[in-house]
N, C-alpha and C. Protein backbone atom coordinates (compact mmCIF):
# COMPACT_ATOMS: atom_id res chain seq x y z
N UNK A 1 -4.08 -5.45 -17.00
CA UNK A 1 -3.42 -5.91 -16.29
C UNK A 1 -3.93 -7.23 -15.47
N UNK A 2 -3.52 -8.29 -15.51
CA UNK A 2 -4.19 -9.42 -14.62
C UNK A 2 -4.23 -9.13 -13.20
N UNK A 3 -5.16 -9.57 -12.56
CA UNK A 3 -5.07 -9.20 -10.93
C UNK A 3 -5.40 -10.48 -10.22
N UNK A 4 -5.03 -10.78 -9.13
CA UNK A 4 -5.20 -11.83 -8.28
C UNK A 4 -6.71 -11.81 -7.70
N UNK A 5 -7.07 -12.87 -7.02
CA UNK A 5 -8.61 -13.09 -6.67
C UNK A 5 -8.84 -11.78 -5.64
N UNK A 6 -7.98 -11.25 -4.83
CA UNK A 6 -8.19 -10.10 -3.99
C UNK A 6 -7.82 -8.82 -4.49
N UNK A 7 -7.73 -8.73 -5.76
CA UNK A 7 -7.78 -7.47 -6.61
C UNK A 7 -6.35 -6.89 -6.70
N UNK A 8 -5.36 -7.51 -6.15
CA UNK A 8 -3.99 -7.07 -6.46
C UNK A 8 -3.41 -7.34 -7.77
N UNK A 9 -2.80 -6.27 -8.41
CA UNK A 9 -2.05 -6.54 -9.62
C UNK A 9 -1.05 -7.63 -9.69
N UNK A 10 -1.01 -8.43 -10.78
CA UNK A 10 -0.04 -9.54 -10.78
C UNK A 10 0.73 -9.26 -12.02
N UNK A 11 1.78 -8.44 -11.90
CA UNK A 11 2.40 -8.09 -12.94
C UNK A 11 3.81 -7.87 -12.33
N UNK A 12 4.80 -8.55 -13.06
CA UNK A 12 6.29 -8.39 -12.60
C UNK A 12 6.69 -6.99 -13.22
N UNK A 13 7.34 -6.26 -12.57
CA UNK A 13 7.81 -4.94 -12.95
C UNK A 13 9.03 -4.58 -12.31
N UNK A 14 9.59 -3.47 -12.62
CA UNK A 14 10.76 -3.19 -11.95
C UNK A 14 10.58 -2.67 -10.60
N UNK A 15 11.52 -3.32 -9.83
CA UNK A 15 11.45 -3.01 -8.59
C UNK A 15 10.61 -4.16 -7.71
N UNK A 16 9.78 -5.02 -8.37
CA UNK A 16 8.96 -5.99 -7.79
C UNK A 16 9.24 -7.18 -8.45
N UNK A 17 10.03 -8.14 -7.89
CA UNK A 17 10.48 -9.27 -8.71
C UNK A 17 9.53 -10.50 -8.45
N UNK A 18 8.82 -10.55 -7.45
CA UNK A 18 8.07 -11.79 -7.00
C UNK A 18 6.89 -11.33 -6.13
N UNK A 19 5.92 -12.28 -5.85
CA UNK A 19 5.23 -12.06 -4.90
C UNK A 19 5.42 -11.43 -3.64
N UNK A 20 6.63 -11.98 -2.98
CA UNK A 20 7.01 -11.62 -1.65
C UNK A 20 7.37 -10.16 -1.70
N UNK A 21 8.19 -9.79 -2.77
CA UNK A 21 8.60 -8.33 -2.92
C UNK A 21 7.30 -7.42 -2.99
N UNK A 22 6.44 -7.87 -3.77
CA UNK A 22 5.22 -7.07 -3.99
C UNK A 22 4.50 -6.96 -2.65
N UNK A 23 4.22 -7.91 -1.79
CA UNK A 23 3.70 -7.81 -0.64
C UNK A 23 4.45 -7.02 0.35
N UNK A 24 5.71 -7.10 0.40
CA UNK A 24 6.75 -6.30 1.17
C UNK A 24 6.53 -4.72 0.96
N UNK A 25 6.48 -4.44 -0.48
CA UNK A 25 6.22 -3.09 -0.87
C UNK A 25 4.89 -2.64 -0.54
N UNK A 26 3.98 -3.40 -0.65
CA UNK A 26 2.52 -2.97 -0.16
C UNK A 26 2.36 -2.83 1.19
N UNK A 27 3.08 -3.48 2.04
CA UNK A 27 3.02 -3.36 3.61
C UNK A 27 3.62 -1.86 3.92
N UNK A 28 4.85 -1.74 3.35
CA UNK A 28 5.44 -0.44 3.34
C UNK A 28 4.63 0.62 3.13
N UNK A 29 4.29 0.65 1.92
CA UNK A 29 3.27 1.76 1.56
C UNK A 29 2.05 1.75 2.45
N UNK A 30 1.34 0.62 3.00
CA UNK A 30 0.46 0.76 3.73
C UNK A 30 0.83 1.28 5.04
N UNK A 31 2.01 1.18 5.64
CA UNK A 31 2.19 1.58 7.02
C UNK A 31 2.83 3.09 6.88
N UNK A 32 3.50 3.34 5.87
CA UNK A 32 4.23 4.62 5.77
C UNK A 32 4.02 5.88 4.73
N UNK A 33 3.27 5.49 3.55
CA UNK A 33 3.05 6.27 2.78
C UNK A 33 1.52 6.37 2.34
N UNK A 34 0.80 7.20 2.85
CA UNK A 34 -0.68 7.11 2.66
C UNK A 34 -1.20 7.84 1.40
N UNK A 35 -0.49 9.01 0.87
CA UNK A 35 -0.97 9.70 -0.28
C UNK A 35 0.13 9.67 -1.33
N UNK A 36 -0.60 10.09 -2.42
CA UNK A 36 0.45 10.19 -3.65
C UNK A 36 1.36 11.23 -3.48
N UNK A 37 0.78 12.35 -2.65
CA UNK A 37 1.80 13.56 -2.47
C UNK A 37 2.91 13.12 -1.50
N UNK A 38 2.58 12.23 -0.44
CA UNK A 38 3.76 11.62 0.46
C UNK A 38 4.81 10.90 -0.45
N UNK A 39 4.34 9.97 -1.32
CA UNK A 39 5.15 9.37 -2.27
C UNK A 39 6.03 10.27 -3.01
N UNK A 40 5.38 11.37 -3.71
CA UNK A 40 6.33 12.18 -4.46
C UNK A 40 7.30 12.89 -3.73
N UNK A 41 6.99 13.37 -2.39
CA UNK A 41 7.85 14.29 -1.57
C UNK A 41 8.91 13.22 -1.13
N UNK A 42 8.58 11.90 -0.71
CA UNK A 42 9.60 10.86 -0.11
C UNK A 42 10.53 10.70 -1.26
N UNK A 43 10.22 10.46 -2.40
CA UNK A 43 11.09 9.92 -3.66
C UNK A 43 12.01 11.19 -3.98
N UNK A 44 11.42 12.39 -3.92
CA UNK A 44 12.12 13.56 -4.30
C UNK A 44 13.46 13.65 -3.13
N UNK A 45 13.05 13.50 -2.02
CA UNK A 45 14.00 13.77 -1.00
C UNK A 45 14.92 12.47 -0.92
N UNK A 46 14.44 11.37 -1.30
CA UNK A 46 15.49 10.19 -1.35
C UNK A 46 16.46 10.44 -2.54
N UNK A 47 15.95 10.79 -3.65
CA UNK A 47 16.85 11.11 -4.87
C UNK A 47 17.79 12.31 -4.55
N UNK A 48 17.54 13.01 -3.74
CA UNK A 48 18.43 14.24 -3.38
C UNK A 48 18.88 14.10 -1.99
N UNK A 49 19.14 12.88 -1.30
CA UNK A 49 19.23 12.61 0.06
C UNK A 49 20.48 13.36 0.63
N UNK A 50 21.53 13.70 -0.07
CA UNK A 50 22.64 14.36 0.36
C UNK A 50 22.45 15.82 0.50
N UNK A 51 21.31 16.44 0.03
CA UNK A 51 20.99 17.84 0.21
C UNK A 51 19.84 17.98 0.96
N UNK A 52 19.80 19.10 1.50
CA UNK A 52 18.61 19.76 2.40
C UNK A 52 17.77 20.60 1.38
N UNK A 53 16.56 20.21 1.12
CA UNK A 53 15.88 21.17 0.08
C UNK A 53 14.94 21.99 1.00
N UNK A 54 14.76 23.34 0.47
CA UNK A 54 13.94 24.25 1.16
C UNK A 54 12.42 24.04 0.65
N UNK A 55 11.58 24.65 1.17
CA UNK A 55 9.96 24.34 0.88
C UNK A 55 9.96 24.86 -0.50
N UNK A 56 10.36 25.90 -1.05
CA UNK A 56 10.06 26.46 -2.35
C UNK A 56 10.62 25.36 -3.24
N UNK A 57 11.77 24.73 -3.03
CA UNK A 57 12.42 23.71 -4.13
C UNK A 57 11.35 22.39 -3.90
N UNK A 58 10.97 22.37 -2.79
CA UNK A 58 9.94 21.02 -2.76
C UNK A 58 8.71 21.22 -3.48
N UNK A 59 8.35 22.32 -3.31
CA UNK A 59 6.88 22.80 -3.90
C UNK A 59 6.92 22.85 -5.49
N UNK A 60 8.25 23.35 -5.97
CA UNK A 60 8.52 23.49 -7.27
C UNK A 60 8.61 22.08 -7.99
N UNK A 61 9.18 21.21 -7.39
CA UNK A 61 9.57 19.87 -7.81
C UNK A 61 8.26 18.87 -8.02
N UNK A 62 7.48 19.03 -6.84
CA UNK A 62 6.40 17.91 -6.77
C UNK A 62 4.99 18.71 -7.29
N UNK A 63 5.08 19.95 -7.60
CA UNK A 63 3.84 20.55 -8.21
C UNK A 63 2.63 20.18 -7.66
N UNK A 64 2.28 20.17 -6.40
CA UNK A 64 1.11 19.94 -5.67
C UNK A 64 0.83 21.24 -4.83
N UNK A 65 -0.44 21.66 -4.45
CA UNK A 65 -0.56 22.68 -3.70
C UNK A 65 0.31 22.79 -2.48
N UNK A 66 0.64 24.04 -2.08
CA UNK A 66 1.58 24.24 -0.98
C UNK A 66 1.02 23.49 0.34
N UNK A 67 -0.17 23.79 0.62
CA UNK A 67 -0.88 23.13 1.84
C UNK A 67 -0.64 21.80 1.94
N UNK A 68 -1.03 20.99 0.78
CA UNK A 68 -0.94 19.60 0.63
C UNK A 68 0.52 19.07 0.91
N UNK A 69 1.35 19.82 0.28
CA UNK A 69 2.78 19.37 0.53
C UNK A 69 3.16 19.62 1.91
N UNK A 70 2.86 20.55 2.59
CA UNK A 70 3.12 20.68 3.93
C UNK A 70 2.54 19.62 4.81
N UNK A 71 1.34 19.14 4.39
CA UNK A 71 0.85 17.95 5.21
C UNK A 71 1.59 16.88 4.93
N UNK A 72 2.00 16.50 3.73
CA UNK A 72 2.91 15.35 3.26
C UNK A 72 4.09 15.43 4.07
N UNK A 73 4.90 16.48 4.06
CA UNK A 73 6.05 16.75 4.92
C UNK A 73 5.88 16.49 6.28
N UNK A 74 4.87 16.94 6.80
CA UNK A 74 4.58 16.83 8.40
C UNK A 74 4.39 15.27 8.45
N UNK A 75 3.58 14.46 7.66
CA UNK A 75 3.29 13.05 7.86
C UNK A 75 4.62 12.38 7.93
N UNK A 76 5.41 12.59 6.84
CA UNK A 76 6.79 11.82 6.74
C UNK A 76 7.63 12.06 7.67
N UNK A 77 7.74 13.28 8.29
CA UNK A 77 8.54 13.74 9.53
C UNK A 77 8.31 12.82 10.54
N UNK A 78 6.84 12.81 10.77
CA UNK A 78 6.29 12.15 12.01
C UNK A 78 6.56 10.65 11.91
N UNK A 79 6.66 10.19 10.65
CA UNK A 79 6.93 8.51 10.52
C UNK A 79 8.31 8.34 10.35
N UNK A 80 9.39 9.25 10.48
CA UNK A 80 10.73 9.07 10.76
C UNK A 80 11.43 8.98 9.25
N UNK A 81 10.79 9.16 8.28
CA UNK A 81 11.41 9.09 6.85
C UNK A 81 12.22 10.15 6.51
N UNK A 82 11.84 11.30 6.94
CA UNK A 82 12.43 12.43 6.61
C UNK A 82 12.54 13.40 7.89
N UNK A 83 13.30 14.52 7.73
CA UNK A 83 13.61 15.18 8.97
C UNK A 83 13.77 16.67 8.48
N UNK A 84 13.08 17.60 9.40
CA UNK A 84 13.35 18.99 9.12
C UNK A 84 14.76 19.29 9.64
N UNK A 85 15.46 20.06 8.65
CA UNK A 85 16.91 20.52 8.95
C UNK A 85 17.15 22.15 8.83
N UNK A 86 17.66 22.76 9.60
CA UNK A 86 18.07 23.98 9.73
C UNK A 86 16.85 24.85 9.62
N UNK A 87 17.14 26.10 9.35
CA UNK A 87 16.15 27.27 8.99
C UNK A 87 15.51 27.27 7.76
N UNK A 88 14.31 27.88 7.89
CA UNK A 88 13.70 28.13 6.40
C UNK A 88 12.45 27.43 6.08
N UNK A 89 11.93 26.47 6.57
CA UNK A 89 12.67 25.18 6.88
C UNK A 89 13.19 24.38 5.80
N UNK A 90 13.99 23.48 6.04
CA UNK A 90 14.77 22.78 4.90
C UNK A 90 14.31 21.11 5.25
N UNK A 91 14.42 20.43 4.26
CA UNK A 91 13.95 18.92 4.54
C UNK A 91 15.03 17.94 4.06
N UNK A 92 15.19 16.80 4.51
CA UNK A 92 16.11 15.74 3.98
C UNK A 92 15.65 14.47 4.39
N UNK A 93 16.01 13.53 3.35
CA UNK A 93 15.73 11.96 3.74
C UNK A 93 16.59 11.89 5.02
N UNK A 94 15.91 11.06 5.75
CA UNK A 94 16.57 10.83 7.15
C UNK A 94 16.25 9.48 7.73
N UNK A 95 15.80 8.54 7.13
CA UNK A 95 15.56 7.10 7.53
C UNK A 95 16.90 6.42 7.83
N UNK A 96 16.79 5.89 9.02
CA UNK A 96 18.31 5.36 9.46
C UNK A 96 18.05 3.71 9.54
N UNK A 97 16.94 3.25 9.17
CA UNK A 97 16.61 1.75 9.25
C UNK A 97 16.93 1.17 7.90
N UNK A 98 17.86 0.38 7.81
CA UNK A 98 18.32 -0.22 6.55
C UNK A 98 17.12 -0.74 5.70
N UNK A 99 16.34 -1.55 6.31
CA UNK A 99 15.11 -2.06 5.72
C UNK A 99 14.19 -1.15 5.15
N UNK A 100 14.01 -0.04 5.82
CA UNK A 100 13.17 0.93 5.11
C UNK A 100 13.84 1.76 4.07
N UNK A 101 15.07 1.78 4.22
CA UNK A 101 15.80 2.47 3.05
C UNK A 101 15.81 1.63 1.99
N UNK A 102 15.93 0.28 2.03
CA UNK A 102 15.76 -0.57 1.07
C UNK A 102 14.36 -0.52 0.26
N UNK A 103 13.41 -0.43 1.02
CA UNK A 103 12.02 -0.47 0.49
C UNK A 103 12.01 1.10 -0.37
N UNK A 104 12.36 1.87 0.28
CA UNK A 104 12.42 3.35 -0.42
C UNK A 104 13.05 3.21 -1.87
N UNK A 105 14.09 2.44 -1.79
CA UNK A 105 14.82 2.17 -3.03
C UNK A 105 14.10 1.57 -3.81
N UNK A 106 13.61 0.35 -3.45
CA UNK A 106 12.51 -0.34 -4.34
C UNK A 106 11.48 0.51 -4.89
N UNK A 107 10.98 1.23 -3.87
CA UNK A 107 9.91 2.23 -4.41
C UNK A 107 10.26 2.97 -5.62
N UNK A 108 11.51 3.65 -5.40
CA UNK A 108 11.93 4.69 -6.46
C UNK A 108 12.19 3.83 -7.75
N UNK A 109 12.97 2.70 -7.73
CA UNK A 109 12.95 1.75 -8.86
C UNK A 109 11.64 1.44 -9.53
N UNK A 110 10.64 1.04 -8.64
CA UNK A 110 9.48 0.85 -9.28
C UNK A 110 8.73 2.02 -9.89
N UNK A 111 8.80 3.03 -9.32
CA UNK A 111 8.10 4.25 -9.76
C UNK A 111 8.83 4.71 -11.11
N UNK A 112 10.00 4.35 -11.30
CA UNK A 112 10.66 4.81 -12.58
C UNK A 112 10.09 3.88 -13.63
N UNK A 113 9.82 2.62 -13.29
CA UNK A 113 9.61 1.66 -14.26
C UNK A 113 8.07 1.23 -14.41
N UNK A 114 7.43 1.26 -13.27
CA UNK A 114 5.97 0.84 -13.16
C UNK A 114 5.17 1.83 -12.30
N UNK A 115 5.22 3.14 -12.71
CA UNK A 115 4.34 4.05 -11.84
C UNK A 115 2.91 3.69 -11.65
N UNK A 116 2.33 3.20 -12.59
CA UNK A 116 0.88 2.99 -12.58
C UNK A 116 0.85 1.51 -11.54
N UNK A 117 1.73 0.83 -11.35
CA UNK A 117 1.53 -0.26 -10.43
C UNK A 117 1.64 0.27 -8.98
N UNK A 118 2.40 1.31 -8.84
CA UNK A 118 2.49 1.91 -7.31
C UNK A 118 0.96 2.55 -7.08
N UNK A 119 0.49 3.20 -8.04
CA UNK A 119 -0.57 4.02 -8.03
C UNK A 119 -1.78 3.01 -7.73
N UNK A 120 -1.72 1.90 -8.35
CA UNK A 120 -2.71 0.72 -8.03
C UNK A 120 -2.48 0.27 -6.62
N UNK A 121 -1.31 0.01 -6.21
CA UNK A 121 -1.17 -0.42 -4.89
C UNK A 121 -1.49 0.46 -3.82
N UNK A 122 -1.18 1.75 -4.03
CA UNK A 122 -1.62 2.66 -3.06
C UNK A 122 -3.33 2.92 -3.14
N UNK A 123 -3.96 2.90 -4.30
CA UNK A 123 -5.38 2.89 -4.22
C UNK A 123 -5.85 1.94 -3.54
N UNK A 124 -5.40 0.67 -3.63
CA UNK A 124 -6.13 -0.41 -3.05
C UNK A 124 -5.75 -0.54 -1.40
N UNK A 125 -4.58 0.24 -0.96
CA UNK A 125 -4.24 0.44 0.36
C UNK A 125 -5.33 1.32 0.88
N UNK A 126 -5.67 2.38 0.15
CA UNK A 126 -6.46 3.45 0.48
C UNK A 126 -7.81 2.93 0.84
N UNK A 127 -8.38 2.04 0.02
CA UNK A 127 -9.70 1.13 0.25
C UNK A 127 -9.57 0.33 1.45
N UNK A 128 -8.28 -0.27 1.54
CA UNK A 128 -8.31 -1.06 2.71
C UNK A 128 -8.42 -0.34 4.05
N UNK A 129 -7.61 0.89 4.09
CA UNK A 129 -7.86 1.84 5.18
C UNK A 129 -9.22 2.13 5.59
N UNK A 130 -10.05 2.47 4.59
CA UNK A 130 -11.55 3.01 4.70
C UNK A 130 -12.30 1.62 5.17
N UNK A 131 -11.96 0.53 4.69
CA UNK A 131 -12.66 -0.65 5.18
C UNK A 131 -12.45 -0.92 6.71
N UNK A 132 -11.20 -0.83 6.93
CA UNK A 132 -10.69 -1.16 8.28
C UNK A 132 -11.42 -0.12 9.17
N UNK A 133 -11.11 1.01 8.67
CA UNK A 133 -11.98 2.22 9.70
C UNK A 133 -13.32 2.01 9.97
N UNK A 134 -14.11 1.67 8.88
CA UNK A 134 -15.47 1.47 8.73
C UNK A 134 -15.77 0.14 9.82
N UNK A 135 -15.13 -0.90 9.63
CA UNK A 135 -15.20 -1.95 10.54
C UNK A 135 -15.11 -1.61 11.96
N UNK A 136 -13.89 -0.98 12.24
CA UNK A 136 -13.77 -0.55 13.66
C UNK A 136 -14.84 0.32 14.21
N UNK A 137 -15.22 1.37 13.32
CA UNK A 137 -16.36 2.24 13.94
C UNK A 137 -17.72 1.51 14.12
N UNK A 138 -17.81 0.66 13.35
CA UNK A 138 -19.19 -0.33 13.40
C UNK A 138 -19.06 -1.12 14.77
N UNK A 139 -17.73 -1.72 15.03
CA UNK A 139 -17.51 -2.53 16.08
C UNK A 139 -17.60 -1.70 17.26
N UNK A 140 -16.99 -0.61 17.23
CA UNK A 140 -16.86 0.39 18.54
C UNK A 140 -18.29 0.91 18.81
N UNK A 141 -19.19 0.93 17.78
CA UNK A 141 -20.52 1.44 18.03
C UNK A 141 -21.27 0.68 19.26
N UNK A 142 -21.06 -0.79 18.91
CA UNK A 142 -21.86 -1.72 19.87
C UNK A 142 -20.94 -1.84 21.28
N UNK A 143 -19.68 -1.53 21.34
CA UNK A 143 -18.94 -1.61 22.47
C UNK A 143 -19.08 -0.52 23.43
N UNK A 144 -19.34 0.68 22.98
CA UNK A 144 -19.18 1.88 23.60
C UNK A 144 -20.65 2.27 24.28
N UNK A 145 -21.61 1.21 24.12
CA UNK A 145 -22.87 1.51 24.87
C UNK A 145 -22.72 1.06 26.26
N UNK A 146 -23.32 2.00 27.18
CA UNK A 146 -23.14 1.69 28.57
C UNK A 146 -24.37 0.86 28.90
N UNK A 147 -23.78 -0.45 29.73
CA UNK A 147 -24.76 -1.56 29.78
C UNK A 147 -25.83 -1.07 30.89
N UNK A 148 -25.54 0.05 31.65
CA UNK A 148 -26.51 0.49 32.72
C UNK A 148 -27.68 1.08 32.30
N UNK A 149 -27.69 1.53 31.07
CA UNK A 149 -28.89 2.21 30.58
C UNK A 149 -29.98 1.31 29.81
């Protein structure tokens, strides 16, 4: 797959029709979906958004370890994309922002047609998060020194 100078894939695919769409999708993933498990859980709950799914149903559908799934559910709840409902507990897609729902729709469409592209985007975002964290830590190491010592 051809790539741009910054390492991003340059491939038109289902759900990503141009560079602006690609960048919006990348930014949405960067801000809201950090792991592949979060992506799987989010898309499952989006596909079944009229239903409340219990933990057992989610575990069975996404086939990831239970604790990993619980972490993904908690992260998505915190970001306001899903919500815990009822007893049991159950979870449901709960995003009320039209723009975010449009992004999740695009994610679902891209996931069905170009899953590898989404994985590449998420891997690139993970590398970007690590680089940003390392830059911040390096910068903070110099700022946190007490000038009186």
